[in-house]
Amino acid sequence: CMKCFPKAFQVHNSSGTYCLTCSDYFGMKDNTGPEGGCIEICGDGFNLGSFQCDDGNTINGDGCNSNCDIEENFKCSGGNDIKADVCIENVPPNGNLTISYEGE
């Protein structure tokens, strides 16, 4: 039985069993807080599920803000452990509707 040191986890695959640190896993980093463990990185383009979105940057105003939250009037989707979310702006209608009728 293999025992991994703190801030590491065991991985089992066809090659065997080995230990990975948080930084060995794409999209994760060591949690420096008292709870320890791994936390997801915001802005790296990998959405592992801890954030609403991750578009690969920490720029506000592009749909996915610097905290990896979806911004108002945007929809973000498609992100996963190998690709970034894509955000599109939902432009609300202006509320003006013109109806023309030509007839007798």
C-alpha atoms as a PDB file:
ATOM      1  CA  CYS A   1       0.000   0.000   0.000  1.00  0.00           C
ATOM      2  CA  MET A   2       1.473   3.320  -1.093  1.00  0.00           C
ATOM      3  CA  LYS A   3       1.135   6.338   1.194  1.00  0.00           C
ATOM      4  CA  CYS A   4       1.384   9.776  -0.375  1.00  0.00           C
ATOM      5  CA  PHE A   5       2.791  12.712   1.562  1.00  0.00           C
ATOM      6  CA  PRO A   6       0.532  15.618   2.574  1.00  0.00           C
ATOM      7  CA  LYS A   7      -0.941  17.650  -0.301  1.00  0.00           C
ATOM      8  CA  ALA A   8      -0.685  14.708  -2.665  1.00  0.00           C
ATOM      9  CA  PHE A   9      -3.125  12.117  -3.882  1.00  0.00           C
ATOM     10  CA  GLN A  10      -2.863   8.636  -5.333  1.00  0.00           C
ATOM     11  CA  VAL A  11      -3.546   7.961  -8.981  1.00  0.00           C
ATOM     12  CA  HIS A  12      -4.217   4.467 -10.279  1.00  0.00           C
ATOM     13  CA  ASN A  13      -4.015   3.658 -13.965  1.00  0.00           C
ATOM     14  CA  SER A  14      -2.695   0.959 -16.284  1.00  0.00           C
ATOM     15  CA  SER A  15       0.879   2.079 -15.565  1.00  0.00           C
ATOM     16  CA  GLY A  16       0.503   1.479 -11.849  1.00  0.00           C
ATOM     17  CA  THR A  17      -0.057   3.559  -8.738  1.00  0.00           C
ATOM     18  CA  TYR A  18       1.771   6.790  -8.048  1.00  0.00           C
ATOM     19  CA  CYS A  19       1.455  10.047  -6.107  1.00  0.00           C
ATOM     20  CA  LEU A  20       0.692  13.436  -7.616  1.00  0.00           C
ATOM     21  CA  THR A  21       0.890  16.808  -5.961  1.00  0.00           C
ATOM     22  CA  CYS A  22      -1.761  19.403  -6.676  1.00  0.00           C
ATOM     23  CA  SER A  23       0.542  21.275  -9.045  1.00  0.00           C
ATOM     24  CA  ASP A  24       1.156  18.067 -11.040  1.00  0.00           C
ATOM     25  CA  TYR A  25      -2.500  18.062 -12.067  1.00  0.00           C
ATOM     26  CA  PHE A  26      -3.576  20.567 -14.760  1.00  0.00           C
ATOM     27  CA  GLY A  27      -5.886  23.192 -13.355  1.00  0.00           C
ATOM     28  CA  MET A  28      -5.064  22.622  -9.687  1.00  0.00           C
ATOM     29  CA  LYS A  29      -2.743  24.219  -7.138  1.00  0.00           C
ATOM     30  CA  ASP A  30      -1.899  23.695  -3.481  1.00  0.00           C
ATOM     31  CA  ASN A  31      -4.328  25.301  -1.076  1.00  0.00           C
ATOM     32  CA  THR A  32      -2.185  27.368   1.289  1.00  0.00           C
ATOM     33  CA  GLY A  33      -5.095  27.831   3.712  1.00  0.00           C
ATOM     34  CA  PRO A  34      -5.533  25.887   6.945  1.00  0.00           C
ATOM     35  CA  GLU A  35      -7.763  23.280   5.280  1.00  0.00           C
ATOM     36  CA  GLY A  36      -4.964  22.239   2.893  1.00  0.00           C
ATOM     37  CA  GLY A  37      -5.591  20.024  -0.119  1.00  0.00           C
ATOM     38  CA  CYS A  38      -5.955  21.142  -3.707  1.00  0.00           C
ATOM     39  CA  ILE A  39      -7.926  24.018  -5.186  1.00  0.00           C
ATOM     40  CA  GLU A  40      -8.821  24.789  -8.769  1.00  0.00           C
ATOM     41  CA  ILE A  41      -6.979  27.587 -10.598  1.00  0.00           C
ATOM     42  CA  CYS A  42      -9.147  30.401 -11.981  1.00  0.00           C
ATOM     43  CA  GLY A  43      -8.197  31.758 -15.398  1.00  0.00           C
ATOM     44  CA  ASP A  44      -6.107  28.881 -16.738  1.00  0.00           C
ATOM     45  CA  GLY A  45      -8.682  27.652 -19.271  1.00  0.00           C
ATOM     46  CA  PHE A  46      -9.532  24.393 -17.498  1.00  0.00           C
ATOM     47  CA  ASN A  47     -12.988  24.197 -15.897  1.00  0.00           C
ATOM     48  CA  LEU A  48     -12.990  21.346 -13.411  1.00  0.00           C
ATOM     49  CA  GLY A  49     -16.276  22.387 -11.817  1.00  0.00           C
ATOM     50  CA  SER A  50     -15.311  24.618  -8.886  1.00  0.00           C
ATOM     51  CA  PHE A  51     -16.123  27.790 -10.821  1.00  0.00           C
ATOM     52  CA  GLN A  52     -19.071  28.954 -12.922  1.00  0.00           C
ATOM     53  CA  CYS A  53     -16.718  29.497 -15.871  1.00  0.00           C
ATOM     54  CA  ASP A  54     -13.056  29.589 -16.897  1.00  0.00           C
ATOM     55  CA  ASP A  55     -12.313  31.248 -20.226  1.00  0.00           C
ATOM     56  CA  GLY A  56      -8.534  31.142 -19.926  1.00  0.00           C
ATOM     57  CA  ASN A  57      -7.945  34.619 -18.496  1.00  0.00           C
ATOM     58  CA  THR A  58      -8.859  36.845 -15.554  1.00  0.00           C
ATOM     59  CA  ILE A  59     -10.121  39.825 -17.552  1.00  0.00           C
ATOM     60  CA  ASN A  60     -13.410  41.380 -16.480  1.00  0.00           C
ATOM     61  CA  GLY A  61     -15.985  42.320 -19.133  1.00  0.00           C
ATOM     62  CA  ASP A  62     -15.540  39.333 -21.439  1.00  0.00           C
ATOM     63  CA  GLY A  63     -18.277  37.196 -19.892  1.00  0.00           C
ATOM     64  CA  CYS A  64     -16.205  35.343 -17.305  1.00  0.00           C
ATOM     65  CA  ASN A  65     -14.778  37.694 -14.681  1.00  0.00           C
ATOM     66  CA  SER A  66     -11.534  37.612 -12.708  1.00  0.00           C
ATOM     67  CA  ASN A  67     -13.161  35.361 -10.071  1.00  0.00           C
ATOM     68  CA  CYS A  68     -14.411  32.921 -12.734  1.00  0.00           C
ATOM     69  CA  ASP A  69     -18.033  33.951 -12.254  1.00  0.00           C
ATOM     70  CA  ILE A  70     -20.348  34.447 -15.235  1.00  0.00           C
ATOM     71  CA  GLU A  71     -20.986  38.152 -15.756  1.00  0.00           C
ATOM     72  CA  GLU A  72     -24.417  39.717 -16.164  1.00  0.00           C
ATOM     73  CA  ASN A  73     -25.939  39.365 -19.661  1.00  0.00           C
ATOM     74  CA  PHE A  74     -23.489  36.614 -20.654  1.00  0.00           C
ATOM     75  CA  LYS A  75     -23.762  32.866 -21.086  1.00  0.00           C
ATOM     76  CA  CYS A  76     -20.664  30.678 -20.811  1.00  0.00           C
ATOM     77  CA  SER A  77     -20.422  27.000 -21.696  1.00  0.00           C
ATOM     78  CA  GLY A  78     -18.285  24.246 -23.130  1.00  0.00           C
ATOM     79  CA  GLY A  79     -15.458  24.322 -20.619  1.00  0.00           C
ATOM     80  CA  ASN A  80     -14.082  21.138 -19.121  1.00  0.00           C
ATOM     81  CA  ASP A  81     -10.789  19.562 -18.065  1.00  0.00           C
ATOM     82  CA  ILE A  82      -9.272  19.997 -21.556  1.00  0.00           C
ATOM     83  CA  LYS A  83     -10.752  23.234 -22.924  1.00  0.00           C
ATOM     84  CA  ALA A  84     -11.873  26.686 -21.824  1.00  0.00           C
ATOM     85  CA  ASP A  85     -15.425  27.980 -21.616  1.00  0.00           C
ATOM     86  CA  VAL A  86     -16.703  30.186 -24.443  1.00  0.00           C
ATOM     87  CA  CYS A  87     -18.797  33.165 -23.370  1.00  0.00           C
ATOM     88  CA  ILE A  88     -21.333  34.975 -25.508  1.00  0.00           C
ATOM     89  CA  GLU A  89     -23.250  38.114 -24.678  1.00  0.00           C
ATOM     90  CA  ASN A  90     -27.019  37.834 -24.350  1.00  0.00           C
ATOM     91  CA  VAL A  91     -28.199  41.129 -25.766  1.00  0.00           C
ATOM     92  CA  PRO A  92     -31.683  41.789 -24.434  1.00  0.00           C
ATOM     93  CA  PRO A  93     -34.235  43.137 -26.900  1.00  0.00           C
ATOM     94  CA  ASN A  94     -34.789  46.892 -26.774  1.00  0.00           C
ATOM     95  CA  GLY A  95     -38.520  46.511 -26.208  1.00  0.00           C
ATOM     96  CA  ASN A  96     -39.590  48.337 -29.366  1.00  0.00           C
ATOM     97  CA  LEU A  97     -41.832  46.443 -31.737  1.00  0.00           C
ATOM     98  CA  THR A  98     -43.226  47.965 -34.907  1.00  0.00           C
ATOM     99  CA  ILE A  99     -46.122  46.288 -36.699  1.00  0.00           C
ATOM    100  CA  SER A 100     -47.204  47.514 -40.077  1.00  0.00           C
ATOM    101  CA  TYR A 101     -50.467  46.564 -41.701  1.00  0.00           C
ATOM    102  CA  GLU A 102     -51.450  47.390 -45.223  1.00  0.00           C
ATOM    103  CA  GLY A 103     -54.939  46.499 -46.232  1.00  0.00           C
ATOM    104  CA  GLU A 104     -58.366  47.746 -47.111  1.00  0.00           C
END
